[in-house]
Amino acid sequence: MVVNKDIAPVLDLNAALERVGGDEDLLREIGALFLQEYPPAISGLRTAVADRDPKRIEHKAHSLKGSVSTFGSGVAFEATLELEMQGRSGDLTEVDSNFERAELSLTRLCNELQKFIS
């Protein structure tokens, strides 16, 4: 069965809970912290993409990638990894579309996290 990445869940609750030793309260705290830090993080990445600054793109995407890995979000992880690699290589050919894909998956992750922590 093929799963459409555009509609697949971006929060893998089982994987996320495994990463925190099954502690739901801890996962909620980490999720709340991510939701607080996300707006400036995505804004910084958006600015780096608009400025076509490969080093900042690499750095900002790397930071977001690390954060989303906690939540087992393969879609968001892959999208931020792609941006990080583009920044590292300096080839920004597809950076706008890759940023849009990353932002969409990260927004979906934020929505799913918000439901989880509520």
PDB file of N, CA and C in Angstrom:
ATOM      1  N   MET A   1       0.838  -1.183   0.000  1.00  0.00           N
ATOM      2  CA  MET A   1       0.000   0.000   0.000  1.00  0.00           C
ATOM      3  C   MET A   1       0.880   1.243   0.000  1.00  0.00           C
ATOM      4  N   VAL A   2       0.650   2.146  -0.916  1.00  0.00           N
ATOM      5  CA  VAL A   2       1.405   3.385  -1.022  1.00  0.00           C
ATOM      6  C   VAL A   2       0.692   4.460  -0.207  1.00  0.00           C
ATOM      7  N   VAL A   3       1.458   5.163   0.643  1.00  0.00           N
ATOM      8  CA  VAL A   3       0.889   6.229   1.459  1.00  0.00           C
ATOM      9  C   VAL A   3       1.239   7.571   0.828  1.00  0.00           C
ATOM     10  N   ASN A   4       0.236   8.386   0.601  1.00  0.00           N
ATOM     11  CA  ASN A   4       0.449   9.721   0.068  1.00  0.00           C
ATOM     12  C   ASN A   4       1.053  10.577   1.165  1.00  0.00           C
ATOM     13  N   LYS A   5       2.283  11.068   0.957  1.00  0.00           N
ATOM     14  CA  LYS A   5       2.966  11.871   1.965  1.00  0.00           C
ATOM     15  C   LYS A   5       2.238  13.162   2.264  1.00  0.00           C
ATOM     16  N   ASP A   6       1.420  13.638   1.328  1.00  0.00           N
ATOM     17  CA  ASP A   6       0.701  14.884   1.552  1.00  0.00           C
ATOM     18  C   ASP A   6      -0.438  14.723   2.553  1.00  0.00           C
ATOM     19  N   ILE A   7      -0.920  13.487   2.752  1.00  0.00           N
ATOM     20  CA  ILE A   7      -2.019  13.297   3.694  1.00  0.00           C
ATOM     21  C   ILE A   7      -1.656  12.365   4.853  1.00  0.00           C
ATOM     22  N   ALA A   8      -0.485  11.751   4.812  1.00  0.00           N
ATOM     23  CA  ALA A   8      -0.056  10.878   5.896  1.00  0.00           C
ATOM     24  C   ALA A   8       0.164  11.707   7.160  1.00  0.00           C
ATOM     25  N   PRO A   9      -0.112  11.124   8.333  1.00  0.00           N
ATOM     26  CA  PRO A   9       0.159  11.843   9.577  1.00  0.00           C
ATOM     27  C   PRO A   9       1.643  12.201   9.666  1.00  0.00           C
ATOM     28  N   VAL A  10       1.939  13.337  10.241  1.00  0.00           N
ATOM     29  CA  VAL A  10       3.336  13.747  10.357  1.00  0.00           C
ATOM     30  C   VAL A  10       3.861  13.569  11.772  1.00  0.00           C
ATOM     31  N   LEU A  11       2.991  13.228  12.704  1.00  0.00           N
ATOM     32  CA  LEU A  11       3.396  12.933  14.075  1.00  0.00           C
ATOM     33  C   LEU A  11       3.255  11.434  14.294  1.00  0.00           C
ATOM     34  N   ASP A  12       4.367  10.774  14.510  1.00  0.00           N
ATOM     35  CA  ASP A  12       4.351   9.343  14.817  1.00  0.00           C
ATOM     36  C   ASP A  12       4.410   9.228  16.332  1.00  0.00           C
ATOM     37  N   LEU A  13       3.247   9.165  16.943  1.00  0.00           N
ATOM     38  CA  LEU A  13       3.139   9.188  18.391  1.00  0.00           C
ATOM     39  C   LEU A  13       3.886   8.029  19.040  1.00  0.00           C
ATOM     40  N   ASN A  14       3.812   6.857  18.447  1.00  0.00           N
ATOM     41  CA  ASN A  14       4.520   5.704  19.021  1.00  0.00           C
ATOM     42  C   ASN A  14       6.027   5.925  19.020  1.00  0.00           C
ATOM     43  N   ALA A  15       6.566   6.399  17.908  1.00  0.00           N
ATOM     44  CA  ALA A  15       8.008   6.653  17.822  1.00  0.00           C
ATOM     45  C   ALA A  15       8.412   7.772  18.773  1.00  0.00           C
ATOM     46  N   ALA A  16       7.595   8.816  18.850  1.00  0.00           N
ATOM     47  CA  ALA A  16       7.903   9.946  19.732  1.00  0.00           C
ATOM     48  C   ALA A  16       7.900   9.496  21.192  1.00  0.00           C
ATOM     49  N   LEU A  17       6.911   8.708  21.568  1.00  0.00           N
ATOM     50  CA  LEU A  17       6.855   8.216  22.951  1.00  0.00           C
ATOM     51  C   LEU A  17       8.035   7.300  23.254  1.00  0.00           C
ATOM     52  N   GLU A  18       8.430   6.510  22.287  1.00  0.00           N
ATOM     53  CA  GLU A  18       9.584   5.640  22.477  1.00  0.00           C
ATOM     54  C   GLU A  18      10.840   6.466  22.760  1.00  0.00           C
ATOM     55  N   ARG A  19      10.973   7.598  22.074  1.00  0.00           N
ATOM     56  CA  ARG A  19      12.147   8.458  22.249  1.00  0.00           C
ATOM     57  C   ARG A  19      12.205   9.084  23.645  1.00  0.00           C
ATOM     58  N   VAL A  20      11.059   9.190  24.303  1.00  0.00           N
ATOM     59  CA  VAL A  20      11.031   9.790  25.651  1.00  0.00           C
ATOM     60  C   VAL A  20      10.697   8.740  26.711  1.00  0.00           C
ATOM     61  N   GLY A  21      10.963   7.494  26.411  1.00  0.00           N
ATOM     62  CA  GLY A  21      10.760   6.426  27.375  1.00  0.00           C
ATOM     63  C   GLY A  21       9.320   6.221  27.781  1.00  0.00           C
ATOM     64  N   GLY A  22       8.387   6.559  26.882  1.00  0.00           N
ATOM     65  CA  GLY A  22       6.973   6.360  27.148  1.00  0.00           C
ATOM     66  C   GLY A  22       6.334   7.425  28.028  1.00  0.00           C
ATOM     67  N   ASP A  23       7.061   8.468  28.336  1.00  0.00           N
ATOM     68  CA  ASP A  23       6.577   9.525  29.238  1.00  0.00           C
ATOM     69  C   ASP A  23       5.753  10.563  28.453  1.00  0.00           C
ATOM     70  N   GLU A  24       4.434  10.418  28.504  1.00  0.00           N
ATOM     71  CA  GLU A  24       3.544  11.326  27.757  1.00  0.00           C
ATOM     72  C   GLU A  24       3.658  12.770  28.241  1.00  0.00           C
ATOM     73  N   ASP A  25       3.816  12.962  29.543  1.00  0.00           N
ATOM     74  CA  ASP A  25       3.945  14.326  30.070  1.00  0.00           C
ATOM     75  C   ASP A  25       5.201  15.005  29.518  1.00  0.00           C
ATOM     76  N   LEU A  26       6.289  14.257  29.478  1.00  0.00           N
ATOM     77  CA  LEU A  26       7.529  14.801  28.927  1.00  0.00           C
ATOM     78  C   LEU A  26       7.353  15.138  27.452  1.00  0.00           C
ATOM     79  N   LEU A  27       6.696  14.247  26.727  1.00  0.00           N
ATOM     80  CA  LEU A  27       6.469  14.512  25.305  1.00  0.00           C
ATOM     81  C   LEU A  27       5.599  15.759  25.117  1.00  0.00           C
ATOM     82  N   ARG A  28       4.609  15.938  25.967  1.00  0.00           N
ATOM     83  CA  ARG A  28       3.778  17.145  25.891  1.00  0.00           C
ATOM     84  C   ARG A  28       4.616  18.400  26.153  1.00  0.00           C
ATOM     85  N   GLU A  29       5.517  18.328  27.130  1.00  0.00           N
ATOM     86  CA  GLU A  29       6.398  19.474  27.426  1.00  0.00           C
ATOM     87  C   GLU A  29       7.300  19.788  26.232  1.00  0.00           C
ATOM     88  N   ILE A  30       7.879  18.752  25.652  1.00  0.00           N
ATOM     89  CA  ILE A  30       8.758  18.945  24.490  1.00  0.00           C
ATOM     90  C   ILE A  30       7.950  19.497  23.316  1.00  0.00           C
ATOM     91  N   GLY A  31       6.736  18.982  23.132  1.00  0.00           N
ATOM     92  CA  GLY A  31       5.864  19.476  22.067  1.00  0.00           C
ATOM     93  C   GLY A  31       5.510  20.935  22.268  1.00  0.00           C
ATOM     94  N   ALA A  32       5.186  21.317  23.505  1.00  0.00           N
ATOM     95  CA  ALA A  32       4.853  22.716  23.799  1.00  0.00           C
ATOM     96  C   ALA A  32       6.050  23.618  23.551  1.00  0.00           C
ATOM     97  N   LEU A  33       7.227  23.166  23.914  1.00  0.00           N
ATOM     98  CA  LEU A  33       8.443  23.946  23.673  1.00  0.00           C
ATOM     99  C   LEU A  33       8.681  24.117  22.173  1.00  0.00           C
ATOM    100  N   PHE A  34       8.495  23.030  21.415  1.00  0.00           N
ATOM    101  CA  PHE A  34       8.655  23.116  19.965  1.00  0.00           C
ATOM    102  C   PHE A  34       7.681  24.138  19.378  1.00  0.00           C
ATOM    103  N   LEU A  35       6.431  24.097  19.835  1.00  0.00           N
ATOM    104  CA  LEU A  35       5.423  25.030  19.314  1.00  0.00           C
ATOM    105  C   LEU A  35       5.778  26.483  19.632  1.00  0.00           C
ATOM    106  N   GLN A  36       6.432  26.720  20.755  1.00  0.00           N
ATOM    107  CA  GLN A  36       6.873  28.078  21.098  1.00  0.00           C
ATOM    108  C   GLN A  36       8.038  28.520  20.219  1.00  0.00           C
ATOM    109  N   GLU A  37       8.946  27.600  19.956  1.00  0.00           N
ATOM    110  CA  GLU A  37      10.159  27.934  19.209  1.00  0.00           C
ATOM    111  C   GLU A  37       9.975  27.889  17.697  1.00  0.00           C
ATOM    112  N   TYR A  38       8.896  27.262  17.246  1.00  0.00           N
ATOM    113  CA  TYR A  38       8.688  27.086  15.817  1.00  0.00           C
ATOM    114  C   TYR A  38       8.522  28.400  15.041  1.00  0.00           C
ATOM    115  N   PRO A  39       7.681  29.342  15.472  1.00  0.00           N
ATOM    116  CA  PRO A  39       7.488  30.557  14.659  1.00  0.00           C
ATOM    117  C   PRO A  39       8.785  31.305  14.328  1.00  0.00           C
ATOM    118  N   PRO A  40       9.661  31.581  15.314  1.00  0.00           N
ATOM    119  CA  PRO A  40      10.909  32.253  14.923  1.00  0.00           C
ATOM    120  C   PRO A  40      11.830  31.358  14.087  1.00  0.00           C
ATOM    121  N   ALA A  41      11.768  30.044  14.312  1.00  0.00           N
ATOM    122  CA  ALA A  41      12.623  29.130  13.548  1.00  0.00           C
ATOM    123  C   ALA A  41      12.231  29.111  12.075  1.00  0.00           C
ATOM    124  N   ILE A  42      10.925  28.994  11.794  1.00  0.00           N
ATOM    125  CA  ILE A  42      10.491  28.950  10.389  1.00  0.00           C
ATOM    126  C   ILE A  42      10.674  30.321   9.744  1.00  0.00           C
ATOM    127  N   SER A  43      10.505  31.371  10.522  1.00  0.00           N
ATOM    128  CA  SER A  43      10.720  32.723   9.997  1.00  0.00           C
ATOM    129  C   SER A  43      12.186  32.916   9.592  1.00  0.00           C
ATOM    130  N   GLY A  44      13.094  32.427  10.438  1.00  0.00           N
ATOM    131  CA  GLY A  44      14.524  32.526  10.109  1.00  0.00           C
ATOM    132  C   GLY A  44      14.877  31.740   8.867  1.00  0.00           C
ATOM    133  N   LEU A  45      14.281  30.556   8.718  1.00  0.00           N
ATOM    134  CA  LEU A  45      14.530  29.756   7.517  1.00  0.00           C
ATOM    135  C   LEU A  45      13.937  30.433   6.295  1.00  0.00           C
ATOM    136  N   ARG A  46      12.736  30.978   6.439  1.00  0.00           N
ATOM    137  CA  ARG A  46      12.090  31.690   5.326  1.00  0.00           C
ATOM    138  C   ARG A  46      12.968  32.860   4.850  1.00  0.00           C
ATOM    139  N   THR A  47      13.511  33.606   5.797  1.00  0.00           N
ATOM    140  CA  THR A  47      14.381  34.737   5.456  1.00  0.00           C
ATOM    141  C   THR A  47      15.661  34.262   4.776  1.00  0.00           C
ATOM    142  N   ALA A  48      16.240  33.187   5.284  1.00  0.00           N
ATOM    143  CA  ALA A  48      17.456  32.642   4.675  1.00  0.00           C
ATOM    144  C   ALA A  48      17.201  32.207   3.238  1.00  0.00           C
ATOM    145  N   VAL A  49      16.040  31.581   2.998  1.00  0.00           N
ATOM    146  CA  VAL A  49      15.675  31.163   1.638  1.00  0.00           C
ATOM    147  C   VAL A  49      15.479  32.388   0.750  1.00  0.00           C
ATOM    148  N   ALA A  50      14.763  33.388   1.253  1.00  0.00           N
ATOM    149  CA  ALA A  50      14.522  34.604   0.471  1.00  0.00           C
ATOM    150  C   ALA A  50      15.825  35.326   0.148  1.00  0.00           C
ATOM    151  N   ASP A  51      16.768  35.292   1.089  1.00  0.00           N
ATOM    152  CA  ASP A  51      18.069  35.942   0.890  1.00  0.00           C
ATOM    153  C   ASP A  51      19.031  35.096   0.067  1.00  0.00           C
ATOM    154  N   ARG A  52      18.628  33.852  -0.206  1.00  0.00           N
ATOM    155  CA  ARG A  52      19.484  32.905  -0.942  1.00  0.00           C
ATOM    156  C   ARG A  52      20.844  32.744  -0.242  1.00  0.00           C
ATOM    157  N   ASP A  53      20.775  32.547   1.077  1.00  0.00           N
ATOM    158  CA  ASP A  53      21.982  32.421   1.903  1.00  0.00           C
ATOM    159  C   ASP A  53      22.177  30.939   2.267  1.00  0.00           C
ATOM    160  N   PRO A  54      23.029  30.239   1.513  1.00  0.00           N
ATOM    161  CA  PRO A  54      23.173  28.799   1.703  1.00  0.00           C
ATOM    162  C   PRO A  54      23.581  28.394   3.117  1.00  0.00           C
ATOM    163  N   LYS A  55      24.502  29.115   3.724  1.00  0.00           N
ATOM    164  CA  LYS A  55      24.964  28.742   5.060  1.00  0.00           C
ATOM    165  C   LYS A  55      23.854  28.880   6.094  1.00  0.00           C
ATOM    166  N   ARG A  56      23.079  29.944   6.012  1.00  0.00           N
ATOM    167  CA  ARG A  56      21.954  30.122   6.944  1.00  0.00           C
ATOM    168  C   ARG A  56      20.853  29.102   6.682  1.00  0.00           C
ATOM    169  N   ILE A  57      20.608  28.790   5.407  1.00  0.00           N
ATOM    170  CA  ILE A  57      19.622  27.759   5.079  1.00  0.00           C
ATOM    171  C   ILE A  57      20.047  26.442   5.714  1.00  0.00           C
ATOM    172  N   GLU A  58      21.307  26.078   5.533  1.00  0.00           N
ATOM    173  CA  GLU A  58      21.815  24.835   6.110  1.00  0.00           C
ATOM    174  C   GLU A  58      21.644  24.830   7.626  1.00  0.00           C
ATOM    175  N   HIS A  59      22.033  25.892   8.283  1.00  0.00           N
ATOM    176  CA  HIS A  59      21.975  25.984   9.744  1.00  0.00           C
ATOM    177  C   HIS A  59      20.535  25.941  10.256  1.00  0.00           C
ATOM    178  N   LYS A  60      19.663  26.757   9.678  1.00  0.00           N
ATOM    179  CA  LYS A  60      18.267  26.832  10.136  1.00  0.00           C
ATOM    180  C   LYS A  60      17.543  25.512   9.870  1.00  0.00           C
ATOM    181  N   ALA A  61      17.759  24.923   8.699  1.00  0.00           N
ATOM    182  CA  ALA A  61      17.116  23.650   8.368  1.00  0.00           C
ATOM    183  C   ALA A  61      17.636  22.538   9.275  1.00  0.00           C
ATOM    184  N   HIS A  62      18.928  22.555   9.560  1.00  0.00           N
ATOM    185  CA  HIS A  62      19.520  21.549  10.439  1.00  0.00           C
ATOM    186  C   HIS A  62      18.878  21.605  11.831  1.00  0.00           C
ATOM    187  N   SER A  63      18.702  22.802  12.352  1.00  0.00           N
ATOM    188  CA  SER A  63      18.087  22.966  13.675  1.00  0.00           C
ATOM    189  C   SER A  63      16.659  22.427  13.690  1.00  0.00           C
ATOM    190  N   LEU A  64      15.881  22.784  12.674  1.00  0.00           N
ATOM    191  CA  LEU A  64      14.500  22.292  12.595  1.00  0.00           C
ATOM    192  C   LEU A  64      14.468  20.775  12.429  1.00  0.00           C
ATOM    193  N   LYS A  65      15.366  20.256  11.635  1.00  0.00           N
ATOM    194  CA  LYS A  65      15.428  18.805  11.402  1.00  0.00           C
ATOM    195  C   LYS A  65      15.656  18.074  12.718  1.00  0.00           C
ATOM    196  N   GLY A  66      16.553  18.582  13.524  1.00  0.00           N
ATOM    197  CA  GLY A  66      16.814  17.969  14.823  1.00  0.00           C
ATOM    198  C   GLY A  66      15.591  17.987  15.715  1.00  0.00           C
ATOM    199  N   SER A  67      14.886  19.088  15.700  1.00  0.00           N
ATOM    200  CA  SER A  67      13.681  19.207  16.529  1.00  0.00           C
ATOM    201  C   SER A  67      12.589  18.243  16.086  1.00  0.00           C
ATOM    202  N   VAL A  68      12.355  18.152  14.788  1.00  0.00           N
ATOM    203  CA  VAL A  68      11.251  17.298  14.316  1.00  0.00           C
ATOM    204  C   VAL A  68      11.583  15.819  14.436  1.00  0.00           C
ATOM    205  N   SER A  69      12.856  15.477  14.514  1.00  0.00           N
ATOM    206  CA  SER A  69      13.211  14.062  14.638  1.00  0.00           C
ATOM    207  C   SER A  69      12.663  13.474  15.933  1.00  0.00           C
ATOM    208  N   THR A  70      12.487  14.290  16.948  1.00  0.00           N
ATOM    209  CA  THR A  70      11.922  13.841  18.221  1.00  0.00           C
ATOM    210  C   THR A  70      10.523  13.283  18.046  1.00  0.00           C
ATOM    211  N   PHE A  71       9.787  13.827  17.087  1.00  0.00           N
ATOM    212  CA  PHE A  71       8.383  13.488  16.927  1.00  0.00           C
ATOM    213  C   PHE A  71       8.133  12.399  15.883  1.00  0.00           C
ATOM    214  N   GLY A  72       9.189  11.773  15.399  1.00  0.00           N
ATOM    215  CA  GLY A  72       9.023  10.692  14.442  1.00  0.00           C
ATOM    216  C   GLY A  72       8.396  11.132  13.137  1.00  0.00           C
ATOM    217  N   SER A  73       8.578  12.393  12.806  1.00  0.00           N
ATOM    218  CA  SER A  73       7.950  12.951  11.607  1.00  0.00           C
ATOM    219  C   SER A  73       8.849  12.772  10.395  1.00  0.00           C
ATOM    220  N   GLY A  74       8.689  11.637   9.720  1.00  0.00           N
ATOM    221  CA  GLY A  74       9.520  11.366   8.547  1.00  0.00           C
ATOM    222  C   GLY A  74       9.356  12.392   7.453  1.00  0.00           C
ATOM    223  N   VAL A  75       8.129  12.848   7.225  1.00  0.00           N
ATOM    224  CA  VAL A  75       7.866  13.810   6.149  1.00  0.00           C
ATOM    225  C   VAL A  75       8.564  15.133   6.438  1.00  0.00           C
ATOM    226  N   ALA A  76       8.390  15.657   7.636  1.00  0.00           N
ATOM    227  CA  ALA A  76       9.020  16.933   7.993  1.00  0.00           C
ATOM    228  C   ALA A  76      10.536  16.774   8.077  1.00  0.00           C
ATOM    229  N   PHE A  77      10.997  15.629   8.576  1.00  0.00           N
ATOM    230  CA  PHE A  77      12.428  15.365   8.656  1.00  0.00           C
ATOM    231  C   PHE A  77      13.055  15.372   7.271  1.00  0.00           C
ATOM    232  N   GLU A  78      12.437  14.647   6.345  1.00  0.00           N
ATOM    233  CA  GLU A  78      12.965  14.573   4.977  1.00  0.00           C
ATOM    234  C   GLU A  78      12.984  15.950   4.312  1.00  0.00           C
ATOM    235  N   ALA A  79      11.932  16.733   4.538  1.00  0.00           N
ATOM    236  CA  ALA A  79      11.850  18.058   3.911  1.00  0.00           C
ATOM    237  C   ALA A  79      12.935  18.984   4.443  1.00  0.00           C
ATOM    238  N   THR A  80      13.166  18.957   5.754  1.00  0.00           N
ATOM    239  CA  THR A  80      14.198  19.832   6.323  1.00  0.00           C
ATOM    240  C   THR A  80      15.595  19.319   5.987  1.00  0.00           C
ATOM    241  N   LEU A  81      15.741  17.996   5.893  1.00  0.00           N
ATOM    242  CA  LEU A  81      17.027  17.428   5.472  1.00  0.00           C
ATOM    243  C   LEU A  81      17.366  17.884   4.059  1.00  0.00           C
ATOM    244  N   GLU A  82      16.383  17.870   3.174  1.00  0.00           N
ATOM    245  CA  GLU A  82      16.609  18.314   1.794  1.00  0.00           C
ATOM    246  C   GLU A  82      17.094  19.768   1.759  1.00  0.00           C
ATOM    247  N   LEU A  83      16.461  20.617   2.556  1.00  0.00           N
ATOM    248  CA  LEU A  83      16.889  22.021   2.615  1.00  0.00           C
ATOM    249  C   LEU A  83      18.298  22.143   3.192  1.00  0.00           C
ATOM    250  N   GLU A  84      18.577  21.369   4.225  1.00  0.00           N
ATOM    251  CA  GLU A  84      19.917  21.391   4.811  1.00  0.00           C
ATOM    252  C   GLU A  84      20.969  21.002   3.777  1.00  0.00           C
ATOM    253  N   MET A  85      20.690  19.938   3.012  1.00  0.00           N
ATOM    254  CA  MET A  85      21.635  19.483   1.991  1.00  0.00           C
ATOM    255  C   MET A  85      21.795  20.515   0.882  1.00  0.00           C
ATOM    256  N   GLN A  86      20.704  21.188   0.521  1.00  0.00           N
ATOM    257  CA  GLN A  86      20.809  22.238  -0.498  1.00  0.00           C
ATOM    258  C   GLN A  86      21.697  23.373  -0.001  1.00  0.00           C
ATOM    259  N   GLY A  87      21.503  23.752   1.254  1.00  0.00           N
ATOM    260  CA  GLY A  87      22.347  24.796   1.815  1.00  0.00           C
ATOM    261  C   GLY A  87      23.802  24.381   1.831  1.00  0.00           C
ATOM    262  N   ARG A  88      24.063  23.147   2.230  1.00  0.00           N
ATOM    263  CA  ARG A  88      25.438  22.657   2.300  1.00  0.00           C
ATOM    264  C   ARG A  88      26.077  22.639   0.924  1.00  0.00           C
ATOM    265  N   SER A  89      25.320  22.226  -0.089  1.00  0.00           N
ATOM    266  CA  SER A  89      25.886  22.134  -1.444  1.00  0.00           C
ATOM    267  C   SER A  89      25.945  23.490  -2.142  1.00  0.00           C
ATOM    268  N   GLY A  90      25.099  24.419  -1.704  1.00  0.00           N
ATOM    269  CA  GLY A  90      25.035  25.723  -2.356  1.00  0.00           C
ATOM    270  C   GLY A  90      24.149  25.727  -3.593  1.00  0.00           C
ATOM    271  N   ASP A  91      23.576  24.568  -3.931  1.00  0.00           N
ATOM    272  CA  ASP A  91      22.676  24.481  -5.092  1.00  0.00           C
ATOM    273  C   ASP A  91      21.257  24.785  -4.627  1.00  0.00           C
ATOM    274  N   LEU A  92      20.796  25.990  -4.895  1.00  0.00           N
ATOM    275  CA  LEU A  92      19.494  26.439  -4.415  1.00  0.00           C
ATOM    276  C   LEU A  92      18.432  26.403  -5.508  1.00  0.00           C
ATOM    277  N   THR A  93      18.656  25.588  -6.524  1.00  0.00           N
ATOM    278  CA  THR A  93      17.762  25.513  -7.673  1.00  0.00           C
ATOM    279  C   THR A  93      16.304  25.280  -7.281  1.00  0.00           C
ATOM    280  N   GLU A  94      16.043  24.330  -6.430  1.00  0.00           N
ATOM    281  CA  GLU A  94      14.674  23.965  -6.033  1.00  0.00           C
ATOM    282  C   GLU A  94      14.331  24.443  -4.627  1.00  0.00           C
ATOM    283  N   VAL A  95      15.077  25.402  -4.108  1.00  0.00           N
ATOM    284  CA  VAL A  95      14.930  25.770  -2.697  1.00  0.00           C
ATOM    285  C   VAL A  95      13.539  26.319  -2.365  1.00  0.00           C
ATOM    286  N   ASP A  96      12.935  27.061  -3.274  1.00  0.00           N
ATOM    287  CA  ASP A  96      11.607  27.621  -2.972  1.00  0.00           C
ATOM    288  C   ASP A  96      10.556  26.529  -2.832  1.00  0.00           C
ATOM    289  N   SER A  97      10.527  25.598  -3.767  1.00  0.00           N
ATOM    290  CA  SER A  97       9.532  24.533  -3.682  1.00  0.00           C
ATOM    291  C   SER A  97       9.825  23.609  -2.506  1.00  0.00           C
ATOM    292  N   ASN A  98      11.091  23.370  -2.209  1.00  0.00           N
ATOM    293  CA  ASN A  98      11.429  22.535  -1.062  1.00  0.00           C
ATOM    294  C   ASN A  98      11.074  23.228   0.252  1.00  0.00           C
ATOM    295  N   PHE A  99      11.238  24.536   0.293  1.00  0.00           N
ATOM    296  CA  PHE A  99      10.825  25.271   1.486  1.00  0.00           C
ATOM    297  C   PHE A  99       9.307  25.175   1.670  1.00  0.00           C
ATOM    298  N   GLU A 100       8.565  25.321   0.595  1.00  0.00           N
ATOM    299  CA  GLU A 100       7.102  25.213   0.691  1.00  0.00           C
ATOM    300  C   GLU A 100       6.688  23.840   1.207  1.00  0.00           C
ATOM    301  N   ARG A 101       7.347  22.798   0.719  1.00  0.00           N
ATOM    302  CA  ARG A 101       7.048  21.434   1.171  1.00  0.00           C
ATOM    303  C   ARG A 101       7.381  21.282   2.653  1.00  0.00           C
ATOM    304  N   ALA A 102       8.529  21.827   3.053  1.00  0.00           N
ATOM    305  CA  ALA A 102       8.925  21.755   4.465  1.00  0.00           C
ATOM    306  C   ALA A 102       7.948  22.529   5.339  1.00  0.00           C
ATOM    307  N   GLU A 103       7.591  23.719   4.907  1.00  0.00           N
ATOM    308  CA  GLU A 103       6.681  24.540   5.711  1.00  0.00           C
ATOM    309  C   GLU A 103       5.316  23.859   5.852  1.00  0.00           C
ATOM    310  N   LEU A 104       4.825  23.255   4.792  1.00  0.00           N
ATOM    311  CA  LEU A 104       3.546  22.553   4.849  1.00  0.00           C
ATOM    312  C   LEU A 104       3.609  21.384   5.839  1.00  0.00           C
ATOM    313  N   SER A 105       4.653  20.586   5.752  1.00  0.00           N
ATOM    314  CA  SER A 105       4.754  19.434   6.659  1.00  0.00           C
ATOM    315  C   SER A 105       4.969  19.891   8.096  1.00  0.00           C
ATOM    316  N   LEU A 106       5.711  20.970   8.299  1.00  0.00           N
ATOM    317  CA  LEU A 106       5.929  21.485   9.646  1.00  0.00           C
ATOM    318  C   LEU A 106       4.651  22.088  10.227  1.00  0.00           C
ATOM    319  N   THR A 107       3.865  22.735   9.400  1.00  0.00           N
ATOM    320  CA  THR A 107       2.583  23.277   9.855  1.00  0.00           C
ATOM    321  C   THR A 107       1.664  22.139  10.268  1.00  0.00           C
ATOM    322  N   ARG A 108       1.647  21.083   9.473  1.00  0.00           N
ATOM    323  CA  ARG A 108       0.829  19.922   9.826  1.00  0.00           C
ATOM    324  C   ARG A 108       1.313  19.286  11.123  1.00  0.00           C
ATOM    325  N   LEU A 109       2.636  19.220  11.305  1.00  0.00           N
ATOM    326  CA  LEU A 109       3.180  18.683  12.549  1.00  0.00           C
ATOM    327  C   LEU A 109       2.741  19.543  13.730  1.00  0.00           C
ATOM    328  N   CYS A 110       2.805  20.854  13.580  1.00  0.00           N
ATOM    329  CA  CYS A 110       2.378  21.756  14.647  1.00  0.00           C
ATOM    330  C   CYS A 110       0.901  21.524  14.995  1.00  0.00           C
ATOM    331  N   ASN A 111       0.074  21.358  13.987  1.00  0.00           N
ATOM    332  CA  ASN A 111      -1.352  21.107  14.227  1.00  0.00           C
ATOM    333  C   ASN A 111      -1.557  19.798  14.989  1.00  0.00           C
ATOM    334  N   GLU A 112      -0.840  18.764  14.598  1.00  0.00           N
ATOM    335  CA  GLU A 112      -0.982  17.477  15.267  1.00  0.00           C
ATOM    336  C   GLU A 112      -0.427  17.531  16.690  1.00  0.00           C
ATOM    337  N   LEU A 113       0.669  18.257  16.883  1.00  0.00           N
ATOM    338  CA  LEU A 113       1.223  18.422  18.230  1.00  0.00           C
ATOM    339  C   LEU A 113       0.264  19.176  19.126  1.00  0.00           C
ATOM    340  N   GLN A 114      -0.359  20.219  18.578  1.00  0.00           N
ATOM    341  CA  GLN A 114      -1.302  21.015  19.349  1.00  0.00           C
ATOM    342  C   GLN A 114      -2.455  20.141  19.837  1.00  0.00           C
ATOM    343  N   LYS A 115      -2.946  19.270  18.991  1.00  0.00           N
ATOM    344  CA  LYS A 115      -4.021  18.354  19.390  1.00  0.00           C
ATOM    345  C   LYS A 115      -3.536  17.402  20.484  1.00  0.00           C
ATOM    346  N   PHE A 116      -2.305  16.935  20.349  1.00  0.00           N
ATOM    347  CA  PHE A 116      -1.756  15.992  21.328  1.00  0.00           C
ATOM    348  C   PHE A 116      -1.587  16.650  22.699  1.00  0.00           C
ATOM    349  N   ILE A 117      -1.053  17.859  22.724  1.00  0.00           N
ATOM    350  CA  ILE A 117      -0.770  18.466  24.027  1.00  0.00           C
ATOM    351  C   ILE A 117      -2.000  19.072  24.689  1.00  0.00           C
ATOM    352  N   SER A 118      -3.079  19.229  23.935  1.00  0.00           N
ATOM    353  CA  SER A 118      -4.304  19.814  24.510  1.00  0.00           C
ATOM    354  C   SER A 118      -5.023  18.839  25.406  1.00  0.00           C
TER     355      SER A 118
END
